[in-house]
Amino acid sequence: MCYVILLSPTAQDRRDMDIIRAHVRHLQELERSGQLVLCGPFSDSPGGMVIIRAASREEAAEIAGRDPYVVSGIRSYELRTWGLSHEGNRHMGIAAD
């Protein structure tokens, strides 16, 4: 299952290179473990998005909660379960043959 972690700036937001580097290390660990699908900042608004694979919503919440952005308090997160639509699943069973 895939999950979307929407990261939003908090009132404590600041540009702290140590936290940013720790966040990138977190993403690299997710990538090495095969859990990272996509990630990046939004170009038209503050914040960013991390899409991960996890066995459960609880695991996804644990991953989001250990992100240095979240631990430091400069970002909050919203977790969404993502139903991936693609040809392999006939666009969630709705595509015409």
PDB file of N, CA and C in Angstrom:
ATOM      1  N   MET A   1       0.845  -1.171   0.000  1.00  0.00           N
ATOM      2  CA  MET A   1       0.000   0.000   0.000  1.00  0.00           C
ATOM      3  C   MET A   1       0.893   1.238   0.000  1.00  0.00           C
ATOM      4  N   CYS A   2       0.438   2.263  -0.687  1.00  0.00           N
ATOM      5  CA  CYS A   2       1.176   3.529  -0.721  1.00  0.00           C
ATOM      6  C   CYS A   2       0.474   4.564   0.151  1.00  0.00           C
ATOM      7  N   TYR A   3       1.299   5.424   0.726  1.00  0.00           N
ATOM      8  CA  TYR A   3       0.805   6.492   1.593  1.00  0.00           C
ATOM      9  C   TYR A   3       1.466   7.801   1.181  1.00  0.00           C
ATOM     10  N   VAL A   4       0.691   8.870   1.272  1.00  0.00           N
ATOM     11  CA  VAL A   4       1.177  10.214   0.980  1.00  0.00           C
ATOM     12  C   VAL A   4       1.350  10.944   2.310  1.00  0.00           C
ATOM     13  N   ILE A   5       2.534  11.482   2.510  1.00  0.00           N
ATOM     14  CA  ILE A   5       2.827  12.301   3.681  1.00  0.00           C
ATOM     15  C   ILE A   5       2.920  13.742   3.194  1.00  0.00           C
ATOM     16  N   LEU A   6       1.936  14.551   3.553  1.00  0.00           N
ATOM     17  CA  LEU A   6       1.937  15.968   3.182  1.00  0.00           C
ATOM     18  C   LEU A   6       2.597  16.740   4.318  1.00  0.00           C
ATOM     19  N   LEU A   7       3.706  17.387   4.028  1.00  0.00           N
ATOM     20  CA  LEU A   7       4.470  18.140   5.029  1.00  0.00           C
ATOM     21  C   LEU A   7       4.152  19.630   4.901  1.00  0.00           C
ATOM     22  N   SER A   8       3.739  20.238   6.006  1.00  0.00           N
ATOM     23  CA  SER A   8       3.382  21.663   6.007  1.00  0.00           C
ATOM     24  C   SER A   8       4.200  22.413   7.051  1.00  0.00           C
ATOM     25  N   PRO A   9       4.635  23.638   6.719  1.00  0.00           N
ATOM     26  CA  PRO A   9       5.381  24.443   7.695  1.00  0.00           C
ATOM     27  C   PRO A   9       4.534  24.745   8.926  1.00  0.00           C
ATOM     28  N   THR A  10       5.186  24.798  10.083  1.00  0.00           N
ATOM     29  CA  THR A  10       4.525  25.177  11.330  1.00  0.00           C
ATOM     30  C   THR A  10       4.980  26.588  11.718  1.00  0.00           C
ATOM     31  N   ALA A  11       4.477  27.069  12.824  1.00  0.00           N
ATOM     32  CA  ALA A  11       4.897  28.386  13.327  1.00  0.00           C
ATOM     33  C   ALA A  11       6.379  28.398  13.689  1.00  0.00           C
ATOM     34  N   GLN A  12       6.972  27.222  13.939  1.00  0.00           N
ATOM     35  CA  GLN A  12       8.395  27.120  14.279  1.00  0.00           C
ATOM     36  C   GLN A  12       9.288  26.989  13.037  1.00  0.00           C
ATOM     37  N   ASP A  13       8.691  27.119  11.853  1.00  0.00           N
ATOM     38  CA  ASP A  13       9.450  26.927  10.608  1.00  0.00           C
ATOM     39  C   ASP A  13      10.653  27.867  10.540  1.00  0.00           C
ATOM     40  N   ARG A  14      11.764  27.298  10.127  1.00  0.00           N
ATOM     41  CA  ARG A  14      12.982  28.082   9.911  1.00  0.00           C
ATOM     42  C   ARG A  14      13.869  27.279   8.963  1.00  0.00           C
ATOM     43  N   ARG A  15      14.747  27.964   8.301  1.00  0.00           N
ATOM     44  CA  ARG A  15      15.694  27.289   7.412  1.00  0.00           C
ATOM     45  C   ARG A  15      16.908  26.889   8.238  1.00  0.00           C
ATOM     46  N   ASP A  16      16.989  25.609   8.551  1.00  0.00           N
ATOM     47  CA  ASP A  16      18.061  25.076   9.381  1.00  0.00           C
ATOM     48  C   ASP A  16      18.730  23.952   8.582  1.00  0.00           C
ATOM     49  N   MET A  17      19.936  24.208   8.097  1.00  0.00           N
ATOM     50  CA  MET A  17      20.609  23.238   7.217  1.00  0.00           C
ATOM     51  C   MET A  17      20.860  21.905   7.905  1.00  0.00           C
ATOM     52  N   ASP A  18      21.078  21.882   9.211  1.00  0.00           N
ATOM     53  CA  ASP A  18      21.261  20.606   9.905  1.00  0.00           C
ATOM     54  C   ASP A  18      19.988  19.761   9.829  1.00  0.00           C
ATOM     55  N   ILE A  19      18.842  20.398  10.028  1.00  0.00           N
ATOM     56  CA  ILE A  19      17.561  19.682   9.948  1.00  0.00           C
ATOM     57  C   ILE A  19      17.290  19.245   8.510  1.00  0.00           C
ATOM     58  N   ILE A  20      17.577  20.115   7.560  1.00  0.00           N
ATOM     59  CA  ILE A  20      17.362  19.775   6.144  1.00  0.00           C
ATOM     60  C   ILE A  20      18.217  18.575   5.761  1.00  0.00           C
ATOM     61  N   ARG A  21      19.485  18.563   6.160  1.00  0.00           N
ATOM     62  CA  ARG A  21      20.366  17.419   5.853  1.00  0.00           C
ATOM     63  C   ARG A  21      19.861  16.140   6.516  1.00  0.00           C
ATOM     64  N   ALA A  22      19.382  16.255   7.748  1.00  0.00           N
ATOM     65  CA  ALA A  22      18.840  15.083   8.444  1.00  0.00           C
ATOM     66  C   ALA A  22      17.585  14.572   7.737  1.00  0.00           C
ATOM     67  N   HIS A  23      16.760  15.481   7.246  1.00  0.00           N
ATOM     68  CA  HIS A  23      15.567  15.102   6.474  1.00  0.00           C
ATOM     69  C   HIS A  23      15.980  14.343   5.216  1.00  0.00           C
ATOM     70  N   VAL A  24      16.980  14.842   4.516  1.00  0.00           N
ATOM     71  CA  VAL A  24      17.459  14.171   3.295  1.00  0.00           C
ATOM     72  C   VAL A  24      18.022  12.791   3.636  1.00  0.00           C
ATOM     73  N   ARG A  25      18.741  12.664   4.739  1.00  0.00           N
ATOM     74  CA  ARG A  25      19.233  11.333   5.163  1.00  0.00           C
ATOM     75  C   ARG A  25      18.065  10.385   5.424  1.00  0.00           C
ATOM     76  N   HIS A  26      17.004  10.894   6.028  1.00  0.00           N
ATOM     77  CA  HIS A  26      15.785  10.108   6.273  1.00  0.00           C
ATOM     78  C   HIS A  26      15.220   9.606   4.942  1.00  0.00           C
ATOM     79  N   LEU A  27      15.148  10.497   3.957  1.00  0.00           N
ATOM     80  CA  LEU A  27      14.644  10.104   2.641  1.00  0.00           C
ATOM     81  C   LEU A  27      15.557   9.067   1.991  1.00  0.00           C
ATOM     82  N   GLN A  28      16.868   9.234   2.137  1.00  0.00           N
ATOM     83  CA  GLN A  28      17.814   8.272   1.577  1.00  0.00           C
ATOM     84  C   GLN A  28      17.642   6.894   2.214  1.00  0.00           C
ATOM     85  N   GLU A  29      17.399   6.859   3.518  1.00  0.00           N
ATOM     86  CA  GLU A  29      17.162   5.578   4.194  1.00  0.00           C
ATOM     87  C   GLU A  29      15.902   4.913   3.654  1.00  0.00           C
ATOM     88  N   LEU A  30      14.853   5.701   3.438  1.00  0.00           N
ATOM     89  CA  LEU A  30      13.621   5.160   2.870  1.00  0.00           C
ATOM     90  C   LEU A  30      13.863   4.632   1.457  1.00  0.00           C
ATOM     91  N   GLU A  31      14.679   5.351   0.704  1.00  0.00           N
ATOM     92  CA  GLU A  31      14.996   4.917  -0.660  1.00  0.00           C
ATOM     93  C   GLU A  31      15.777   3.606  -0.635  1.00  0.00           C
ATOM     94  N   ARG A  32      16.770   3.509   0.229  1.00  0.00           N
ATOM     95  CA  ARG A  32      17.565   2.278   0.335  1.00  0.00           C
ATOM     96  C   ARG A  32      16.713   1.079   0.739  1.00  0.00           C
ATOM     97  N   SER A  33      15.713   1.306   1.581  1.00  0.00           N
ATOM     98  CA  SER A  33      14.860   0.211   2.033  1.00  0.00           C
ATOM     99  C   SER A  33      13.769  -0.139   1.024  1.00  0.00           C
ATOM    100  N   GLY A  34      13.679   0.628  -0.061  1.00  0.00           N
ATOM    101  CA  GLY A  34      12.659   0.374  -1.082  1.00  0.00           C
ATOM    102  C   GLY A  34      11.301   0.943  -0.740  1.00  0.00           C
ATOM    103  N   GLN A  35      11.219   1.781   0.295  1.00  0.00           N
ATOM    104  CA  GLN A  35       9.929   2.334   0.707  1.00  0.00           C
ATOM    105  C   GLN A  35       9.597   3.678   0.060  1.00  0.00           C
ATOM    106  N   LEU A  36      10.599   4.396  -0.419  1.00  0.00           N
ATOM    107  CA  LEU A  36      10.350   5.705  -1.014  1.00  0.00           C
ATOM    108  C   LEU A  36       9.880   5.540  -2.458  1.00  0.00           C
ATOM    109  N   VAL A  37       8.755   6.153  -2.772  1.00  0.00           N
ATOM    110  CA  VAL A  37       8.221   6.135  -4.137  1.00  0.00           C
ATOM    111  C   VAL A  37       8.603   7.430  -4.842  1.00  0.00           C
ATOM    112  N   LEU A  38       8.217   8.554  -4.275  1.00  0.00           N
ATOM    113  CA  LEU A  38       8.509   9.887  -4.817  1.00  0.00           C
ATOM    114  C   LEU A  38       8.557  10.880  -3.657  1.00  0.00           C
ATOM    115  N   CYS A  39       9.270  11.975  -3.856  1.00  0.00           N
ATOM    116  CA  CYS A  39       9.265  13.022  -2.838  1.00  0.00           C
ATOM    117  C   CYS A  39       9.729  14.333  -3.450  1.00  0.00           C
ATOM    118  N   GLY A  40       9.387  15.420  -2.770  1.00  0.00           N
ATOM    119  CA  GLY A  40       9.881  16.717  -3.198  1.00  0.00           C
ATOM    120  C   GLY A  40       9.035  17.849  -2.657  1.00  0.00           C
ATOM    121  N   PRO A  41       9.597  19.063  -2.735  1.00  0.00           N
ATOM    122  CA  PRO A  41       8.871  20.249  -2.266  1.00  0.00           C
ATOM    123  C   PRO A  41       7.874  20.712  -3.327  1.00  0.00           C
ATOM    124  N   PHE A  42       6.867  21.447  -2.888  1.00  0.00           N
ATOM    125  CA  PHE A  42       5.935  22.065  -3.819  1.00  0.00           C
ATOM    126  C   PHE A  42       6.577  23.343  -4.356  1.00  0.00           C
ATOM    127  N   SER A  43       6.392  23.622  -5.626  1.00  0.00           N
ATOM    128  CA  SER A  43       6.965  24.833  -6.209  1.00  0.00           C
ATOM    129  C   SER A  43       5.983  26.011  -6.160  1.00  0.00           C
ATOM    130  N   ASP A  44       4.713  25.724  -5.883  1.00  0.00           N
ATOM    131  CA  ASP A  44       3.719  26.797  -5.897  1.00  0.00           C
ATOM    132  C   ASP A  44       3.111  27.099  -4.526  1.00  0.00           C
ATOM    133  N   SER A  45       3.594  26.413  -3.501  1.00  0.00           N
ATOM    134  CA  SER A  45       3.127  26.684  -2.142  1.00  0.00           C
ATOM    135  C   SER A  45       4.127  26.087  -1.152  1.00  0.00           C
ATOM    136  N   PRO A  46       4.075  26.518   0.110  1.00  0.00           N
ATOM    137  CA  PRO A  46       5.015  25.975   1.096  1.00  0.00           C
ATOM    138  C   PRO A  46       4.760  24.498   1.366  1.00  0.00           C
ATOM    139  N   GLY A  47       5.808  23.792   1.749  1.00  0.00           N
ATOM    140  CA  GLY A  47       5.673  22.393   2.122  1.00  0.00           C
ATOM    141  C   GLY A  47       6.100  21.453   1.020  1.00  0.00           C
ATOM    142  N   GLY A  48       5.798  20.192   1.229  1.00  0.00           N
ATOM    143  CA  GLY A  48       6.184  19.183   0.258  1.00  0.00           C
ATOM    144  C   GLY A  48       5.434  17.891   0.501  1.00  0.00           C
ATOM    145  N   MET A  49       5.812  16.861  -0.263  1.00  0.00           N
ATOM    146  CA  MET A  49       5.113  15.602  -0.227  1.00  0.00           C
ATOM    147  C   MET A  49       6.120  14.470  -0.306  1.00  0.00           C
ATOM    148  N   VAL A  50       5.864  13.415   0.456  1.00  0.00           N
ATOM    149  CA  VAL A  50       6.663  12.196   0.420  1.00  0.00           C
ATOM    150  C   VAL A  50       5.675  11.048   0.210  1.00  0.00           C
ATOM    151  N   ILE A  51       5.890  10.254  -0.822  1.00  0.00           N
ATOM    152  CA  ILE A  51       5.046   9.086  -1.070  1.00  0.00           C
ATOM    153  C   ILE A  51       5.876   7.857  -0.735  1.00  0.00           C
ATOM    154  N   ILE A  52       5.313   7.012   0.130  1.00  0.00           N
ATOM    155  CA  ILE A  52       6.037   5.828   0.599  1.00  0.00           C
ATOM    156  C   ILE A  52       5.197   4.570   0.430  1.00  0.00           C
ATOM    157  N   ARG A  53       5.882   3.439   0.490  1.00  0.00           N
ATOM    158  CA  ARG A  53       5.232   2.140   0.613  1.00  0.00           C
ATOM    159  C   ARG A  53       5.364   1.710   2.067  1.00  0.00           C
ATOM    160  N   ALA A  54       4.286   1.207   2.645  1.00  0.00           N
ATOM    161  CA  ALA A  54       4.325   0.705   4.016  1.00  0.00           C
ATOM    162  C   ALA A  54       3.304  -0.418   4.144  1.00  0.00           C
ATOM    163  N   ALA A  55       3.542  -1.305   5.096  1.00  0.00           N
ATOM    164  CA  ALA A  55       2.667  -2.460   5.300  1.00  0.00           C
ATOM    165  C   ALA A  55       1.334  -2.071   5.934  1.00  0.00           C
ATOM    166  N   SER A  56       1.305  -0.929   6.640  1.00  0.00           N
ATOM    167  CA  SER A  56       0.081  -0.501   7.317  1.00  0.00           C
ATOM    168  C   SER A  56       0.103   1.009   7.509  1.00  0.00           C
ATOM    169  N   ARG A  57      -1.056   1.544   7.834  1.00  0.00           N
ATOM    170  CA  ARG A  57      -1.150   2.971   8.129  1.00  0.00           C
ATOM    171  C   ARG A  57      -0.317   3.303   9.367  1.00  0.00           C
ATOM    172  N   GLU A  58      -0.284   2.389  10.330  1.00  0.00           N
ATOM    173  CA  GLU A  58       0.504   2.600  11.547  1.00  0.00           C
ATOM    174  C   GLU A  58       1.991   2.717  11.206  1.00  0.00           C
ATOM    175  N   GLU A  59       2.478   1.844  10.324  1.00  0.00           N
ATOM    176  CA  GLU A  59       3.887   1.930   9.914  1.00  0.00           C
ATOM    177  C   GLU A  59       4.149   3.242   9.184  1.00  0.00           C
ATOM    178  N   ALA A  60       3.225   3.649   8.320  1.00  0.00           N
ATOM    179  CA  ALA A  60       3.385   4.911   7.591  1.00  0.00           C
ATOM    180  C   ALA A  60       3.425   6.090   8.562  1.00  0.00           C
ATOM    181  N   ALA A  61       2.584   6.064   9.591  1.00  0.00           N
ATOM    182  CA  ALA A  61       2.580   7.137  10.584  1.00  0.00           C
ATOM    183  C   ALA A  61       3.888   7.154  11.370  1.00  0.00           C
ATOM    184  N   GLU A  62       4.433   5.990  11.657  1.00  0.00           N
ATOM    185  CA  GLU A  62       5.706   5.906  12.378  1.00  0.00           C
ATOM    186  C   GLU A  62       6.831   6.496  11.522  1.00  0.00           C
ATOM    187  N   ILE A  63       6.817   6.197  10.225  1.00  0.00           N
ATOM    188  CA  ILE A  63       7.827   6.735   9.304  1.00  0.00           C
ATOM    189  C   ILE A  63       7.705   8.263   9.241  1.00  0.00           C
ATOM    190  N   ALA A  64       6.485   8.758   9.097  1.00  0.00           N
ATOM    191  CA  ALA A  64       6.276  10.205   9.036  1.00  0.00           C
ATOM    192  C   ALA A  64       6.702  10.866  10.342  1.00  0.00           C
ATOM    193  N   GLY A  65       6.398  10.237  11.455  1.00  0.00           N
ATOM    194  CA  GLY A  65       6.696  10.811  12.761  1.00  0.00           C
ATOM    195  C   GLY A  65       8.171  10.869  13.094  1.00  0.00           C
ATOM    196  N   ARG A  66       8.987  10.055  12.421  1.00  0.00           N
ATOM    197  CA  ARG A  66      10.430  10.095  12.705  1.00  0.00           C
ATOM    198  C   ARG A  66      11.205  10.978  11.720  1.00  0.00           C
ATOM    199  N   ASP A  67      10.496  11.586  10.768  1.00  0.00           N
ATOM    200  CA  ASP A  67      11.143  12.531   9.853  1.00  0.00           C
ATOM    201  C   ASP A  67      11.701  13.696  10.682  1.00  0.00           C
ATOM    202  N   PRO A  68      12.975  14.033  10.514  1.00  0.00           N
ATOM    203  CA  PRO A  68      13.552  15.147  11.278  1.00  0.00           C
ATOM    204  C   PRO A  68      12.785  16.463  11.143  1.00  0.00           C
ATOM    205  N   TYR A  69      12.125  16.694  10.026  1.00  0.00           N
ATOM    206  CA  TYR A  69      11.287  17.887   9.902  1.00  0.00           C
ATOM    207  C   TYR A  69      10.191  17.861  10.962  1.00  0.00           C
ATOM    208  N   VAL A  70       9.577  16.711  11.149  1.00  0.00           N
ATOM    209  CA  VAL A  70       8.477  16.570  12.106  1.00  0.00           C
ATOM    210  C   VAL A  70       9.014  16.552  13.536  1.00  0.00           C
ATOM    211  N   VAL A  71      10.074  15.784  13.764  1.00  0.00           N
ATOM    212  CA  VAL A  71      10.676  15.694  15.101  1.00  0.00           C
ATOM    213  C   VAL A  71      11.098  17.077  15.605  1.00  0.00           C
ATOM    214  N   SER A  72      11.661  17.898  14.724  1.00  0.00           N
ATOM    215  CA  SER A  72      12.138  19.229  15.113  1.00  0.00           C
ATOM    216  C   SER A  72      11.002  20.220  15.319  1.00  0.00           C
ATOM    217  N   GLY A  73       9.823  19.898  14.801  1.00  0.00           N
ATOM    218  CA  GLY A  73       8.676  20.800  14.950  1.00  0.00           C
ATOM    219  C   GLY A  73       8.539  21.834  13.856  1.00  0.00           C
ATOM    220  N   ILE A  74       9.423  21.822  12.842  1.00  0.00           N
ATOM    221  CA  ILE A  74       9.300  22.833  11.783  1.00  0.00           C
ATOM    222  C   ILE A  74       8.278  22.439  10.711  1.00  0.00           C
ATOM    223  N   ARG A  75       7.859  21.180  10.728  1.00  0.00           N
ATOM    224  CA  ARG A  75       6.820  20.702   9.809  1.00  0.00           C
ATOM    225  C   ARG A  75       5.829  19.845  10.588  1.00  0.00           C
ATOM    226  N   SER A  76       4.580  19.944  10.187  1.00  0.00           N
ATOM    227  CA  SER A  76       3.565  19.000  10.638  1.00  0.00           C
ATOM    228  C   SER A  76       3.260  18.118   9.427  1.00  0.00           C
ATOM    229  N   TYR A  77       2.546  17.034   9.663  1.00  0.00           N
ATOM    230  CA  TYR A  77       2.225  16.190   8.519  1.00  0.00           C
ATOM    231  C   TYR A  77       0.775  15.737   8.560  1.00  0.00           C
ATOM    232  N   GLU A  78       0.284  15.434   7.372  1.00  0.00           N
ATOM    233  CA  GLU A  78      -1.025  14.827   7.187  1.00  0.00           C
ATOM    234  C   GLU A  78      -0.775  13.551   6.398  1.00  0.00           C
ATOM    235  N   LEU A  79      -1.343  12.452   6.828  1.00  0.00           N
ATOM    236  CA  LEU A  79      -1.117  11.158   6.195  1.00  0.00           C
ATOM    237  C   LEU A  79      -2.351  10.754   5.415  1.00  0.00           C
ATOM    238  N   ARG A  80      -2.149  10.367   4.174  1.00  0.00           N
ATOM    239  CA  ARG A  80      -3.244   9.915   3.316  1.00  0.00           C
ATOM    240  C   ARG A  80      -2.897   8.556   2.716  1.00  0.00           C
ATOM    241  N   THR A  81      -3.891   7.672   2.654  1.00  0.00           N
ATOM    242  CA  THR A  81      -3.730   6.390   1.970  1.00  0.00           C
ATOM    243  C   THR A  81      -3.977   6.654   0.491  1.00  0.00           C
ATOM    244  N   TRP A  82      -3.075   6.159  -0.354  1.00  0.00           N
ATOM    245  CA  TRP A  82      -3.130   6.472  -1.778  1.00  0.00           C
ATOM    246  C   TRP A  82      -3.465   5.222  -2.573  1.00  0.00           C
ATOM    247  N   GLY A  83      -4.601   5.257  -3.272  1.00  0.00           N
ATOM    248  CA  GLY A  83      -4.986   4.191  -4.185  1.00  0.00           C
ATOM    249  C   GLY A  83      -4.428   4.501  -5.559  1.00  0.00           C
ATOM    250  N   LEU A  84      -3.440   3.754  -5.967  1.00  0.00           N
ATOM    251  CA  LEU A  84      -2.749   4.017  -7.227  1.00  0.00           C
ATOM    252  C   LEU A  84      -3.556   3.477  -8.404  1.00  0.00           C
ATOM    253  N   SER A  85      -3.875   4.343  -9.340  1.00  0.00           N
ATOM    254  CA  SER A  85      -4.617   3.985 -10.539  1.00  0.00           C
ATOM    255  C   SER A  85      -3.645   3.858 -11.706  1.00  0.00           C
ATOM    256  N   HIS A  86      -3.656   2.694 -12.361  1.00  0.00           N
ATOM    257  CA  HIS A  86      -2.771   2.480 -13.513  1.00  0.00           C
ATOM    258  C   HIS A  86      -3.332   1.363 -14.380  1.00  0.00           C
ATOM    259  N   GLU A  87      -2.761   1.196 -15.548  1.00  0.00           N
ATOM    260  CA  GLU A  87      -3.251   0.195 -16.483  1.00  0.00           C
ATOM    261  C   GLU A  87      -3.186  -1.214 -15.903  1.00  0.00           C
ATOM    262  N   GLY A  88      -2.172  -1.486 -15.091  1.00  0.00           N
ATOM    263  CA  GLY A  88      -2.022  -2.820 -14.501  1.00  0.00           C
ATOM    264  C   GLY A  88      -3.202  -3.234 -13.635  1.00  0.00           C
ATOM    265  N   ASN A  89      -3.883  -2.272 -13.002  1.00  0.00           N
ATOM    266  CA  ASN A  89      -5.074  -2.613 -12.216  1.00  0.00           C
ATOM    267  C   ASN A  89      -6.341  -2.087 -12.900  1.00  0.00           C
ATOM    268  N   ARG A  90      -6.215  -1.890 -14.227  1.00  0.00           N
ATOM    269  CA  ARG A  90      -7.327  -1.392 -15.055  1.00  0.00           C
ATOM    270  C   ARG A  90      -7.924  -0.124 -14.445  1.00  0.00           C
ATOM    271  N   HIS A  91      -7.025   0.751 -14.022  1.00  0.00           N
ATOM    272  CA  HIS A  91      -7.438   2.021 -13.403  1.00  0.00           C
ATOM    273  C   HIS A  91      -8.492   1.766 -12.346  1.00  0.00           C
ATOM    274  N   MET A  92      -8.042   0.915 -11.386  1.00  0.00           N
ATOM    275  CA  MET A  92      -8.835   0.541 -10.219  1.00  0.00           C
ATOM    276  C   MET A  92     -10.113  -0.205 -10.611  1.00  0.00           C
ATOM    277  N   GLY A  93     -10.026  -0.980 -11.721  1.00  0.00           N
ATOM    278  CA  GLY A  93     -11.127  -1.812 -12.152  1.00  0.00           C
ATOM    279  C   GLY A  93     -12.198  -1.102 -12.930  1.00  0.00           C
ATOM    280  N   ILE A  94     -11.934   0.140 -13.311  1.00  0.00           N
ATOM    281  CA  ILE A  94     -12.981   0.934 -13.976  1.00  0.00           C
ATOM    282  C   ILE A  94     -12.741   1.069 -15.479  1.00  0.00           C
ATOM    283  N   ALA A  95     -11.519   0.861 -15.933  1.00  0.00           N
ATOM    284  CA  ALA A  95     -11.200   1.070 -17.356  1.00  0.00           C
ATOM    285  C   ALA A  95     -11.979   0.103 -18.244  1.00  0.00           C
ATOM    286  N   ALA A  96     -12.367   0.621 -19.391  1.00  0.00           N
ATOM    287  CA  ALA A  96     -13.040  -0.221 -20.393  1.00  0.00           C
ATOM    288  C   ALA A  96     -11.989  -1.060 -21.113  1.00  0.00           C
ATOM    289  N   ASP A  97     -12.386  -2.230 -21.543  1.00  0.00           N
ATOM    290  CA  ASP A  97     -11.447  -3.106 -22.264  1.00  0.00           C
ATOM    291  C   ASP A  97     -11.236  -2.673 -23.686  1.00  0.00           C
TER     292      ASP A  97
END
